[in-house]
PDB file of N, CA and C in Angstrom:
ATOM      1  N   MET A   1      13.704  -0.475 -11.841  1.00  0.00           N
ATOM      2  CA  MET A   1      12.768  -0.406 -11.521  1.00  0.00           C
ATOM      3  C   MET A   1      12.785  -0.113  -9.601  1.00  0.00           C
ATOM      4  N   GLN A   2      13.347  -1.466  -9.296  1.00  0.00           N
ATOM      5  CA  GLN A   2      13.230  -1.600  -7.736  1.00  0.00           C
ATOM      6  C   GLN A   2      13.833  -0.490  -6.943  1.00  0.00           C
ATOM      7  N   PRO A   3      15.008   0.582  -7.559  1.00  0.00           N
ATOM      8  CA  PRO A   3      14.743   1.607  -6.590  1.00  0.00           C
ATOM      9  C   PRO A   3      13.781   3.307  -6.856  1.00  0.00           C
ATOM     10  N   ILE A   4      13.352   2.540  -7.829  1.00  0.00           N
ATOM     11  CA  ILE A   4      12.562   3.825  -7.591  1.00  0.00           C
ATOM     12  C   ILE A   4      10.881   3.400  -6.962  1.00  0.00           C
ATOM     13  N   TYR A   5      10.920   2.078  -7.051  1.00  0.00           N
ATOM     14  CA  TYR A   5       9.699   1.069  -6.212  1.00  0.00           C
ATOM     15  C   TYR A   5      10.203   1.365  -4.944  1.00  0.00           C
ATOM     16  N   LEU A   6      11.099   1.365  -4.412  1.00  0.00           N
ATOM     17  CA  LEU A   6      11.773   1.606  -3.529  1.00  0.00           C
ATOM     18  C   LEU A   6      11.303   2.711  -2.508  1.00  0.00           C
ATOM     19  N   ARG A   7      12.056   3.729  -3.688  1.00  0.00           N
ATOM     20  CA  ARG A   7      11.177   5.123  -2.972  1.00  0.00           C
ATOM     21  C   ARG A   7      10.370   5.640  -3.074  1.00  0.00           C
ATOM     22  N   LEU A   8       9.654   4.896  -4.011  1.00  0.00           N
ATOM     23  CA  LEU A   8       7.766   5.232  -3.196  1.00  0.00           C
ATOM     24  C   LEU A   8       7.508   4.073  -2.588  1.00  0.00           C
ATOM     25  N   CYS A   9       7.944   3.735  -1.574  1.00  0.00           N
ATOM     26  CA  CYS A   9       7.214   2.973  -0.651  1.00  0.00           C
ATOM     27  C   CYS A   9       7.710   3.696   0.362  1.00  0.00           C
ATOM     28  N   LEU A  10       8.960   4.778   0.477  1.00  0.00           N
ATOM     29  CA  LEU A  10       9.521   5.051   1.341  1.00  0.00           C
ATOM     30  C   LEU A  10       8.313   6.790   1.233  1.00  0.00           C
ATOM     31  N   ALA A  11       7.825   7.318   0.016  1.00  0.00           N
ATOM     32  CA  ALA A  11       6.984   8.518   0.328  1.00  0.00           C
ATOM     33  C   ALA A  11       5.460   7.634   0.508  1.00  0.00           C
ATOM     34  N   GLY A  12       5.436   6.697   0.222  1.00  0.00           N
ATOM     35  CA  GLY A  12       4.054   6.264   0.795  1.00  0.00           C
ATOM     36  C   GLY A  12       3.490   6.072   1.890  1.00  0.00           C
ATOM     37  N   ALA A  13       4.796   5.558   2.567  1.00  0.00           N
ATOM     38  CA  ALA A  13       4.581   5.430   4.083  1.00  0.00           C
ATOM     39  C   ALA A  13       4.888   7.138   4.780  1.00  0.00           C
ATOM     40  N   ALA A  14       5.814   7.832   4.528  1.00  0.00           N
ATOM     41  CA  ALA A  14       6.091   8.621   4.802  1.00  0.00           C
ATOM     42  C   ALA A  14       4.903  10.274   4.797  1.00  0.00           C
ATOM     43  N   LEU A  15       4.053   9.742   3.938  1.00  0.00           N
ATOM     44  CA  LEU A  15       3.686  11.336   3.028  1.00  0.00           C
ATOM     45  C   LEU A  15       2.217  11.409   4.196  1.00  0.00           C
ATOM     46  N   PRO A  16       1.784  10.025   4.205  1.00  0.00           N
ATOM     47  CA  PRO A  16       0.081   9.652   4.441  1.00  0.00           C
ATOM     48  C   PRO A  16       0.670   9.309   5.913  1.00  0.00           C
ATOM     49  N   LEU A  17       1.798   8.929   6.516  1.00  0.00           N
ATOM     50  CA  LEU A  17       1.631   9.041   8.487  1.00  0.00           C
ATOM     51  C   LEU A  17       1.781  10.411   8.856  1.00  0.00           C
ATOM     52  N   SER A  18       3.059  11.374   8.120  1.00  0.00           N
ATOM     53  CA  SER A  18       3.053  12.349   8.201  1.00  0.00           C
ATOM     54  C   SER A  18       1.663  13.309   8.722  1.00  0.00           C
ATOM     55  N   GLN A  19       1.246  12.986   8.167  1.00  0.00           N
ATOM     56  CA  GLN A  19      -1.019  13.845   8.559  1.00  0.00           C
ATOM     57  C   GLN A  19      -1.331  13.000   9.480  1.00  0.00           C
ATOM     58  N   PHE A  20      -1.499  11.596   9.947  1.00  0.00           N
ATOM     59  CA  PHE A  20      -1.991  10.587  10.227  1.00  0.00           C
ATOM     60  C   PHE A  20      -1.672  11.079  11.723  1.00  0.00           C
ATOM     61  N   VAL A  21       0.432  10.780  12.129  1.00  0.00           N
ATOM     62  CA  VAL A  21       0.086  10.813  13.340  1.00  0.00           C
ATOM     63  C   VAL A  21       0.107  11.809  14.321  1.00  0.00           C
ATOM     64  N   PRO A  22       0.486  13.224  13.657  1.00  0.00           N
ATOM     65  CA  PRO A  22       0.127  14.339  14.430  1.00  0.00           C
ATOM     66  C   PRO A  22      -1.231  14.500  14.860  1.00  0.00           C
ATOM     67  N   TRP A  23      -2.484  14.483  13.786  1.00  0.00           N
ATOM     68  CA  TRP A  23      -3.528  13.883  14.209  1.00  0.00           C
ATOM     69  C   TRP A  23      -4.429  12.814  15.259  1.00  0.00           C
ATOM     70  N   LEU A  24      -3.239  12.299  15.374  1.00  0.00           N
ATOM     71  CA  LEU A  24      -3.768  10.721  16.125  1.00  0.00           C
ATOM     72  C   LEU A  24      -3.087  11.093  17.564  1.00  0.00           C
ATOM     73  N   ALA A  25      -1.786  11.548  17.932  1.00  0.00           N
ATOM     74  CA  ALA A  25      -0.975  12.344  19.319  1.00  0.00           C
ATOM     75  C   ALA A  25      -2.137  12.954  19.743  1.00  0.00           C
ATOM     76  N   ALA A  26      -2.989  14.307  18.929  1.00  0.00           N
ATOM     77  CA  ALA A  26      -4.314  15.275  19.339  1.00  0.00           C
ATOM     78  C   ALA A  26      -5.036  14.244  19.461  1.00  0.00           C
ATOM     79  N   HIS A  27      -5.659  13.680  18.861  1.00  0.00           N
ATOM     80  CA  HIS A  27      -7.178  13.556  18.947  1.00  0.00           C
ATOM     81  C   HIS A  27      -6.867  11.542  19.854  1.00  0.00           C
ATOM     82  N   GLY A  28      -6.372  10.815  19.790  1.00  0.00           N
ATOM     83  CA  GLY A  28      -6.604   9.308  20.099  1.00  0.00           C
ATOM     84  C   GLY A  28      -7.274   8.757  18.891  1.00  0.00           C
ATOM     85  N   LEU A  29      -6.942   7.448  19.294  1.00  0.00           N
ATOM     86  CA  LEU A  29      -8.020   6.939  18.179  1.00  0.00           C
ATOM     87  C   LEU A  29      -9.198   7.236  18.163  1.00  0.00           C
ATOM     88  N   HIS A  30      -9.220   8.328  17.936  1.00  0.00           N
ATOM     89  CA  HIS A  30     -11.619   8.699  18.201  1.00  0.00           C
ATOM     90  C   HIS A  30     -11.450   8.334  16.800  1.00  0.00           C
ATOM     91  N   LEU A  31     -12.191   7.177  16.415  1.00  0.00           N
ATOM     92  CA  LEU A  31     -12.808   6.767  15.159  1.00  0.00           C
ATOM     93  C   LEU A  31     -14.173   7.385  15.192  1.00  0.00           C
ATOM     94  N   PRO A  32     -15.402   7.974  15.367  1.00  0.00           N
ATOM     95  CA  PRO A  32     -17.013   8.482  15.174  1.00  0.00           C
ATOM     96  C   PRO A  32     -15.285  10.331  14.533  1.00  0.00           C
ATOM     97  N   LEU A  33     -14.722  10.767  15.546  1.00  0.00           N
ATOM     98  CA  LEU A  33     -14.084  12.212  15.032  1.00  0.00           C
ATOM     99  C   LEU A  33     -13.136  11.737  13.930  1.00  0.00           C
ATOM    100  N   LEU A  34     -12.801  10.695  13.750  1.00  0.00           N
ATOM    101  CA  LEU A  34     -12.136  10.612  12.543  1.00  0.00           C
ATOM    102  C   LEU A  34     -13.209  10.128  11.147  1.00  0.00           C
ATOM    103  N   LEU A  35     -14.266   9.335  11.008  1.00  0.00           N
ATOM    104  CA  LEU A  35     -15.256   9.959  10.289  1.00  0.00           C
ATOM    105  C   LEU A  35     -15.691  11.153   9.881  1.00  0.00           C
ATOM    106  N   GLN A  36     -15.594  11.671  10.832  1.00  0.00           N
ATOM    107  CA  GLN A  36     -16.322  13.145  10.619  1.00  0.00           C
ATOM    108  C   GLN A  36     -15.452  13.531  10.206  1.00  0.00           C
ATOM    109  N   GLN A  37     -14.267  13.824   9.768  1.00  0.00           N
ATOM    110  CA  GLN A  37     -13.286  15.276   9.832  1.00  0.00           C
ATOM    111  C   GLN A  37     -13.659  14.109   8.503  1.00  0.00           C
ATOM    112  N   ALA A  38     -13.051  13.162   7.913  1.00  0.00           N
ATOM    113  CA  ALA A  38     -13.213  12.625   6.511  1.00  0.00           C
ATOM    114  C   ALA A  38     -14.018  12.616   5.307  1.00  0.00           C
ATOM    115  N   SER A  39     -15.379  12.891   6.268  1.00  0.00           N
ATOM    116  CA  SER A  39     -16.266  13.335   5.464  1.00  0.00           C
ATOM    117  C   SER A  39     -17.029  14.636   5.529  1.00  0.00           C
ATOM    118  N   ALA A  40     -15.806  15.193   6.337  1.00  0.00           N
ATOM    119  CA  ALA A  40     -16.874  16.799   6.417  1.00  0.00           C
ATOM    120  C   ALA A  40     -16.899  17.382   5.090  1.00  0.00           C
ATOM    121  N   SER A  41     -16.710  17.513   4.296  1.00  0.00           N
ATOM    122  CA  SER A  41     -16.324  18.343   3.018  1.00  0.00           C
ATOM    123  C   SER A  41     -16.564  17.205   1.913  1.00  0.00           C
ATOM    124  N   HIS A  42     -16.731  17.470   0.713  1.00  0.00           N
ATOM    125  CA  HIS A  42     -16.991  16.450  -0.394  1.00  0.00           C
ATOM    126  C   HIS A  42     -15.700  16.251  -1.048  1.00  0.00           C
ATOM    127  N   ILE A  43     -14.772  17.396  -0.869  1.00  0.00           N
ATOM    128  CA  ILE A  43     -13.594  16.886  -1.583  1.00  0.00           C
ATOM    129  C   ILE A  43     -12.766  15.627  -0.508  1.00  0.00           C
ATOM    130  N   ALA A  44     -13.184  16.178   1.229  1.00  0.00           N
ATOM    131  CA  ALA A  44     -12.218  14.815   1.924  1.00  0.00           C
ATOM    132  C   ALA A  44     -13.026  13.992   1.502  1.00  0.00           C
ATOM    133  N   ALA A  45     -14.761  13.113   1.127  1.00  0.00           N
ATOM    134  CA  ALA A  45     -15.181  12.386   0.743  1.00  0.00           C
ATOM    135  C   ALA A  45     -14.879  11.550  -0.009  1.00  0.00           C
ATOM    136  N   PHE A  46     -14.106  12.714  -1.449  1.00  0.00           N
ATOM    137  CA  PHE A  46     -13.570  12.373  -2.700  1.00  0.00           C
ATOM    138  C   PHE A  46     -12.566  11.382  -2.226  1.00  0.00           C
ATOM    139  N   ALA A  47     -12.010  12.078  -1.841  1.00  0.00           N
ATOM    140  CA  ALA A  47     -10.016  11.204  -1.064  1.00  0.00           C
ATOM    141  C   ALA A  47     -10.012  10.578  -0.788  1.00  0.00           C
ATOM    142  N   TRP A  48     -11.070   9.954   0.443  1.00  0.00           N
ATOM    143  CA  TRP A  48     -11.683   8.751   1.184  1.00  0.00           C
ATOM    144  C   TRP A  48     -11.790   7.473   0.705  1.00  0.00           C
ATOM    145  N   ALA A  49     -12.890   7.938  -0.619  1.00  0.00           N
ATOM    146  CA  ALA A  49     -13.544   7.175  -1.224  1.00  0.00           C
ATOM    147  C   ALA A  49     -12.559   6.704  -2.831  1.00  0.00           C
ATOM    148  N   ASP A  50     -11.595   7.592  -2.967  1.00  0.00           N
ATOM    149  CA  ASP A  50     -11.091   7.177  -4.181  1.00  0.00           C
ATOM    150  C   ASP A  50      -9.487   6.139  -2.965  1.00  0.00           C
ATOM    151  N   VAL A  51      -9.441   6.383  -2.322  1.00  0.00           N
ATOM    152  CA  VAL A  51      -8.152   5.395  -0.977  1.00  0.00           C
ATOM    153  C   VAL A  51      -9.100   3.966  -1.190  1.00  0.00           C
ATOM    154  N   LEU A  52     -10.421   4.309  -0.396  1.00  0.00           N
ATOM    155  CA  LEU A  52     -10.851   3.125  -0.126  1.00  0.00           C
ATOM    156  C   LEU A  52     -10.914   2.025  -1.599  1.00  0.00           C
ATOM    157  N   VAL A  53     -11.231   3.061  -2.952  1.00  0.00           N
ATOM    158  CA  VAL A  53     -11.304   1.770  -4.388  1.00  0.00           C
ATOM    159  C   VAL A  53     -10.106   0.844  -4.778  1.00  0.00           C
ATOM    160  N   SER A  54      -8.934   2.276  -4.140  1.00  0.00           N
ATOM    161  CA  SER A  54      -7.734   1.898  -4.526  1.00  0.00           C
ATOM    162  C   SER A  54      -7.189   0.638  -4.012  1.00  0.00           C
ATOM    163  N   GLY A  55      -7.409   1.024  -2.690  1.00  0.00           N
ATOM    164  CA  GLY A  55      -7.552   0.021  -1.399  1.00  0.00           C
ATOM    165  C   GLY A  55      -7.832  -1.365  -2.160  1.00  0.00           C
ATOM    166  N   ILE A  56      -9.018  -1.471  -2.301  1.00  0.00           N
ATOM    167  CA  ILE A  56      -9.644  -2.628  -3.086  1.00  0.00           C
ATOM    168  C   ILE A  56      -9.087  -3.374  -4.134  1.00  0.00           C
ATOM    169  N   ALA A  57      -8.706  -1.949  -5.138  1.00  0.00           N
ATOM    170  CA  ALA A  57      -7.939  -2.737  -5.865  1.00  0.00           C
ATOM    171  C   ALA A  57      -6.942  -3.214  -6.408  1.00  0.00           C
ATOM    172  N   VAL A  58      -5.748  -2.683  -5.109  1.00  0.00           N
ATOM    173  CA  VAL A  58      -4.796  -3.097  -4.953  1.00  0.00           C
ATOM    174  C   VAL A  58      -4.777  -4.958  -4.109  1.00  0.00           C
ATOM    175  N   ALA A  59      -5.332  -4.604  -2.827  1.00  0.00           N
ATOM    176  CA  ALA A  59      -6.095  -6.032  -2.503  1.00  0.00           C
ATOM    177  C   ALA A  59      -6.070  -7.209  -3.287  1.00  0.00           C
ATOM    178  N   VAL A  60      -7.291  -7.112  -4.244  1.00  0.00           N
ATOM    179  CA  VAL A  60      -7.438  -7.961  -5.347  1.00  0.00           C
ATOM    180  C   VAL A  60      -6.200  -8.622  -5.571  1.00  0.00           C
ATOM    181  N   PHE A  61      -5.459  -7.472  -6.811  1.00  0.00           N
ATOM    182  CA  PHE A  61      -4.320  -7.191  -7.508  1.00  0.00           C
ATOM    183  C   PHE A  61      -3.069  -8.383  -7.268  1.00  0.00           C
ATOM    184  N   VAL A  62      -2.715  -7.908  -5.477  1.00  0.00           N
ATOM    185  CA  VAL A  62      -1.941  -8.535  -4.671  1.00  0.00           C
ATOM    186  C   VAL A  62      -2.310  -9.940  -4.525  1.00  0.00           C
ATOM    187  N   VAL A  63      -3.258 -10.341  -4.581  1.00  0.00           N
ATOM    188  CA  VAL A  63      -3.612 -11.881  -4.071  1.00  0.00           C
ATOM    189  C   VAL A  63      -3.821 -12.635  -5.248  1.00  0.00           C
ATOM    190  N   VAL A  64      -4.417 -11.654  -6.043  1.00  0.00           N
ATOM    191  CA  VAL A  64      -4.432 -12.729  -7.767  1.00  0.00           C
ATOM    192  C   VAL A  64      -3.070 -12.901  -7.955  1.00  0.00           C
ATOM    193  N   GLU A  65      -2.303 -11.993  -8.341  1.00  0.00           N
ATOM    194  CA  GLU A  65      -0.712 -11.689  -9.254  1.00  0.00           C
ATOM    195  C   GLU A  65       0.187 -12.804  -7.794  1.00  0.00           C
ATOM    196  N   GLY A  66      -0.084 -12.407  -6.395  1.00  0.00           N
ATOM    197  CA  GLY A  66       0.953 -12.922  -5.710  1.00  0.00           C
ATOM    198  C   GLY A  66       0.775 -14.124  -5.619  1.00  0.00           C
ATOM    199  N   ARG A  67      -0.025 -15.208  -6.086  1.00  0.00           N
ATOM    200  CA  ARG A  67      -0.419 -16.354  -5.814  1.00  0.00           C
ATOM    201  C   ARG A  67      -0.038 -17.314  -7.332  1.00  0.00           C
ATOM    202  N   ARG A  68      -0.382 -16.027  -8.829  1.00  0.00           N
ATOM    203  CA  ARG A  68      -0.398 -16.798  -9.520  1.00  0.00           C
ATOM    204  C   ARG A  68       1.379 -17.061 -10.070  1.00  0.00           C
ATOM    205  N   LEU A  69       1.979 -15.846  -9.195  1.00  0.00           N
ATOM    206  CA  LEU A  69       3.247 -16.155  -9.518  1.00  0.00           C
ATOM    207  C   LEU A  69       4.341 -17.004  -8.819  1.00  0.00           C
ATOM    208  N   ALA A  70       3.025 -17.647  -7.712  1.00  0.00           N
ATOM    209  CA  ALA A  70       3.920 -18.132  -6.141  1.00  0.00           C
ATOM    210  C   ALA A  70       5.355 -17.336  -5.593  1.00  0.00           C
ATOM    211  N   MET A  71       4.572 -15.976  -5.087  1.00  0.00           N
ATOM    212  CA  MET A  71       5.650 -15.535  -4.265  1.00  0.00           C
ATOM    213  C   MET A  71       5.114 -15.439  -3.038  1.00  0.00           C
ATOM    214  N   PRO A  72       6.480 -15.746  -2.371  1.00  0.00           N
ATOM    215  CA  PRO A  72       6.957 -15.539  -0.943  1.00  0.00           C
ATOM    216  C   PRO A  72       6.190 -14.500  -0.385  1.00  0.00           C
ATOM    217  N   ARG A  73       5.363 -14.178   0.453  1.00  0.00           N
ATOM    218  CA  ARG A  73       5.312 -13.022   1.420  1.00  0.00           C
ATOM    219  C   ARG A  73       4.612 -12.125   0.896  1.00  0.00           C
ATOM    220  N   TRP A  74       3.524 -12.283  -0.060  1.00  0.00           N
ATOM    221  CA  TRP A  74       2.950 -12.265  -1.165  1.00  0.00           C
ATOM    222  C   TRP A  74       2.003 -11.309  -0.172  1.00  0.00           C
ATOM    223  N   TRP A  75       1.448 -11.647   1.253  1.00  0.00           N
ATOM    224  CA  TRP A  75       0.965 -11.117   2.212  1.00  0.00           C
ATOM    225  C   TRP A  75       0.770  -9.691   2.577  1.00  0.00           C
ATOM    226  N   LEU A  76       2.353  -9.207   2.644  1.00  0.00           N
ATOM    227  CA  LEU A  76       3.271  -8.167   3.627  1.00  0.00           C
ATOM    228  C   LEU A  76       2.542  -7.085   2.870  1.00  0.00           C
ATOM    229  N   PRO A  77       2.229  -7.075   1.593  1.00  0.00           N
ATOM    230  CA  PRO A  77       1.160  -5.605   0.917  1.00  0.00           C
ATOM    231  C   PRO A  77      -0.017  -5.812   1.717  1.00  0.00           C
ATOM    232  N   LEU A  78      -0.620  -6.486   1.683  1.00  0.00           N
ATOM    233  CA  LEU A  78      -1.866  -6.438   2.338  1.00  0.00           C
ATOM    234  C   LEU A  78      -2.035  -6.212   3.993  1.00  0.00           C
ATOM    235  N   CYS A  79      -0.886  -6.124   4.371  1.00  0.00           N
ATOM    236  CA  CYS A  79      -0.690  -5.554   5.692  1.00  0.00           C
ATOM    237  C   CYS A  79      -0.377  -3.941   5.821  1.00  0.00           C
ATOM    238  N   CYS A  80       0.480  -3.271   4.431  1.00  0.00           N
ATOM    239  CA  CYS A  80       0.436  -2.257   4.674  1.00  0.00           C
ATOM    240  C   CYS A  80      -0.469  -1.436   4.035  1.00  0.00           C
ATOM    241  N   LEU A  81      -1.554  -2.072   4.128  1.00  0.00           N
ATOM    242  CA  LEU A  81      -2.418  -1.395   3.488  1.00  0.00           C
ATOM    243  C   LEU A  81      -2.853  -0.906   4.327  1.00  0.00           C
ATOM    244  N   ALA A  82      -2.567  -1.109   6.123  1.00  0.00           N
ATOM    245  CA  ALA A  82      -3.192  -0.233   7.103  1.00  0.00           C
ATOM    246  C   ALA A  82      -2.945   1.545   6.703  1.00  0.00           C
ATOM    247  N   VAL A  83      -1.487   1.830   6.169  1.00  0.00           N
ATOM    248  CA  VAL A  83      -0.829   2.677   5.744  1.00  0.00           C
ATOM    249  C   VAL A  83      -1.473   3.118   4.990  1.00  0.00           C
ATOM    250  N   GLY A  84      -1.610   2.554   3.805  1.00  0.00           N
ATOM    251  CA  GLY A  84      -2.533   3.075   2.570  1.00  0.00           C
ATOM    252  C   GLY A  84      -2.165   2.084   1.600  1.00  0.00           C
ATOM    253  N   PRO A  85      -2.878   3.182   0.381  1.00  0.00           N
ATOM    254  CA  PRO A  85      -2.146   1.978  -0.950  1.00  0.00           C
ATOM    255  C   PRO A  85      -0.954   2.702  -1.811  1.00  0.00           C
ATOM    256  N   SER A  86      -0.762   3.726  -1.227  1.00  0.00           N
ATOM    257  CA  SER A  86       0.300   4.109  -1.644  1.00  0.00           C
ATOM    258  C   SER A  86       1.553   3.669  -1.395  1.00  0.00           C
ATOM    259  N   LEU A  87       1.465   3.063   0.157  1.00  0.00           N
ATOM    260  CA  LEU A  87       2.339   1.956   0.270  1.00  0.00           C
ATOM    261  C   LEU A  87       2.972   0.161  -0.331  1.00  0.00           C
ATOM    262  N   ALA A  88       1.234   0.224  -0.205  1.00  0.00           N
ATOM    263  CA  ALA A  88       0.981  -1.359  -0.137  1.00  0.00           C
ATOM    264  C   ALA A  88       1.667  -1.739  -1.756  1.00  0.00           C
ATOM    265  N   LEU A  89       1.161  -0.739  -2.687  1.00  0.00           N
ATOM    266  CA  LEU A  89       1.254  -1.006  -4.288  1.00  0.00           C
ATOM    267  C   LEU A  89       2.928  -0.292  -4.750  1.00  0.00           C
ATOM    268  N   PRO A  90       3.437   0.303  -4.271  1.00  0.00           N
ATOM    269  CA  PRO A  90       4.645  -0.081  -5.368  1.00  0.00           C
ATOM    270  C   PRO A  90       6.177  -1.273  -3.642  1.00  0.00           C
ATOM    271  N   LEU A  91       5.135  -1.463  -2.983  1.00  0.00           N
ATOM    272  CA  LEU A  91       6.272  -2.457  -1.984  1.00  0.00           C
ATOM    273  C   LEU A  91       5.369  -3.572  -2.952  1.00  0.00           C
ATOM    274  N   PHE A  92       4.572  -4.170  -3.025  1.00  0.00           N
ATOM    275  CA  PHE A  92       3.953  -5.249  -3.934  1.00  0.00           C
ATOM    276  C   PHE A  92       4.818  -5.528  -5.279  1.00  0.00           C
ATOM    277  N   LEU A  93       5.254  -4.141  -6.070  1.00  0.00           N
ATOM    278  CA  LEU A  93       5.432  -4.165  -7.637  1.00  0.00           C
ATOM    279  C   LEU A  93       7.260  -4.139  -7.316  1.00  0.00           C
ATOM    280  N   LEU A  94       7.493  -3.723  -5.830  1.00  0.00           N
ATOM    281  CA  LEU A  94       9.252  -4.074  -5.535  1.00  0.00           C
ATOM    282  C   LEU A  94       9.110  -5.449  -4.878  1.00  0.00           C
ATOM    283  N   LEU A  95       8.333  -6.176  -4.417  1.00  0.00           N
ATOM    284  CA  LEU A  95       8.425  -7.924  -4.151  1.00  0.00           C
ATOM    285  C   LEU A  95       8.369  -8.238  -5.606  1.00  0.00           C
ATOM    286  N   ARG A  96       7.513  -7.617  -6.293  1.00  0.00           N
ATOM    287  CA  ARG A  96       7.123  -8.878  -7.948  1.00  0.00           C
ATOM    288  C   ARG A  96       8.106  -8.900  -8.174  1.00  0.00           C
ATOM    289  N   GLU A  97       8.742  -7.521  -8.871  1.00  0.00           N
ATOM    290  CA  GLU A  97       9.919  -7.588  -9.040  1.00  0.00           C
ATOM    291  C   GLU A  97      11.118  -8.727  -9.059  1.00  0.00           C
ATOM    292  N   ARG A  98      11.397  -8.064  -7.586  1.00  0.00           N
ATOM    293  CA  ARG A  98      12.351  -9.133  -6.837  1.00  0.00           C
ATOM    294  C   ARG A  98      12.218 -10.474  -7.396  1.00  0.00           C
ATOM    295  N   HIS A  99      11.146 -10.780  -7.578  1.00  0.00           N
ATOM    296  CA  HIS A  99      10.613 -12.544  -7.665  1.00  0.00           C
ATOM    297  C   HIS A  99      11.476 -12.862  -8.918  1.00  0.00           C
ATOM    298  N   LEU A 100      10.208 -11.554 -10.238  1.00  0.00           N
ATOM    299  CA  LEU A 100      10.772 -12.218 -11.007  1.00  0.00           C
ATOM    300  C   LEU A 100      12.045 -12.330 -11.769  1.00  0.00           C
ATOM    301  N   GLY A 101      12.647 -11.048 -10.890  1.00  0.00           N
ATOM    302  CA  GLY A 101      14.497 -11.494 -10.832  1.00  0.00           C
ATOM    303  C   GLY A 101      15.339 -12.717 -10.688  1.00  0.00           C
ATOM    304  N   ALA A 102      14.803 -12.799  -9.696  1.00  0.00           N
ATOM    305  CA  ALA A 102      15.510 -14.229  -9.257  1.00  0.00           C
ATOM    306  C   ALA A 102      14.859 -15.766  -9.839  1.00  0.00           C
ATOM    307  N   GLY A 103      13.520 -15.186 -10.497  1.00  0.00           N
ATOM    308  CA  GLY A 103      13.000 -16.266 -11.264  1.00  0.00           C
ATOM    309  C   GLY A 103      14.676 -16.645 -12.375  1.00  0.00           C
ATOM    310  N   LYS A 104      14.445 -15.414 -13.543  1.00  0.00           N
ATOM    311  CA  LYS A 104      15.708 -15.510 -14.785  1.00  0.00           C
ATOM    312  C   LYS A 104      16.632 -15.653 -14.128  1.00  0.00           C
ATOM    313  N   LEU A 105      17.332 -15.509 -12.711  1.00  0.00           N
ATOM    314  CA  LEU A 105      18.171 -16.043 -12.726  1.00  0.00           C
ATOM    315  C   LEU A 105      18.676 -17.717 -12.500  1.00  0.00           C
ATOM    316  N   ARG A 106      17.440 -17.923 -12.016  1.00  0.00           N
ATOM    317  CA  ARG A 106      17.867 -19.751 -11.874  1.00  0.00           C
ATOM    318  C   ARG A 106      17.277 -19.801 -13.361  1.00  0.00           C
ATOM    319  N   ALA A 107      16.529 -19.370 -14.239  1.00  0.00           N
ATOM    320  CA  ALA A 107      16.098 -20.226 -15.184  1.00  0.00           C
ATOM    321  C   ALA A 107      17.413 -20.075 -16.257  1.00  0.00           C
ATOM    322  N   GLY A 108      18.528 -18.793 -15.930  1.00  0.00           N
ATOM    323  CA  GLY A 108      19.767 -19.036 -16.867  1.00  0.00           C
ATOM    324  C   GLY A 108      20.953 -19.720 -15.786  1.00  0.00           C
ATOM    325  N   VAL A 109      20.854 -19.839 -14.750  1.00  0.00           N
ATOM    326  CA  VAL A 109      21.676 -21.055 -14.051  1.00  0.00           C
ATOM    327  C   VAL A 109      21.549 -22.738 -14.473  1.00  0.00           C
ATOM    328  N   GLU A 110      20.232 -22.956 -14.650  1.00  0.00           N
ATOM    329  CA  GLU A 110      19.928 -24.523 -14.816  1.00  0.00           C
ATOM    330  C   GLU A 110      20.742 -24.362 -16.455  1.00  0.00           C
TER     331      GLU A 110
END
């Protein structure tokens, strides 16, 4: 699963940033314009509402599961929410998979 999660991390960073970076270059960090364009139509508002709720769900999952498993660096995917849940979730799943795999290796050695 790790290679799949890694590919999803790359896609989850590249696809949103490929749209945002040119907009940022053209308009700068103009927050009122960003909010106006994000809510310019019902479909745009739908997409942003979905991203917002997904981001909150990912944040809760990362905090609860990361602490439950005592994962190192569980907070890193929270920082990646600045790009979006499309990066944060697969990154957390990758880190979780590695953490669980390392635990199995340690258990097999003991």
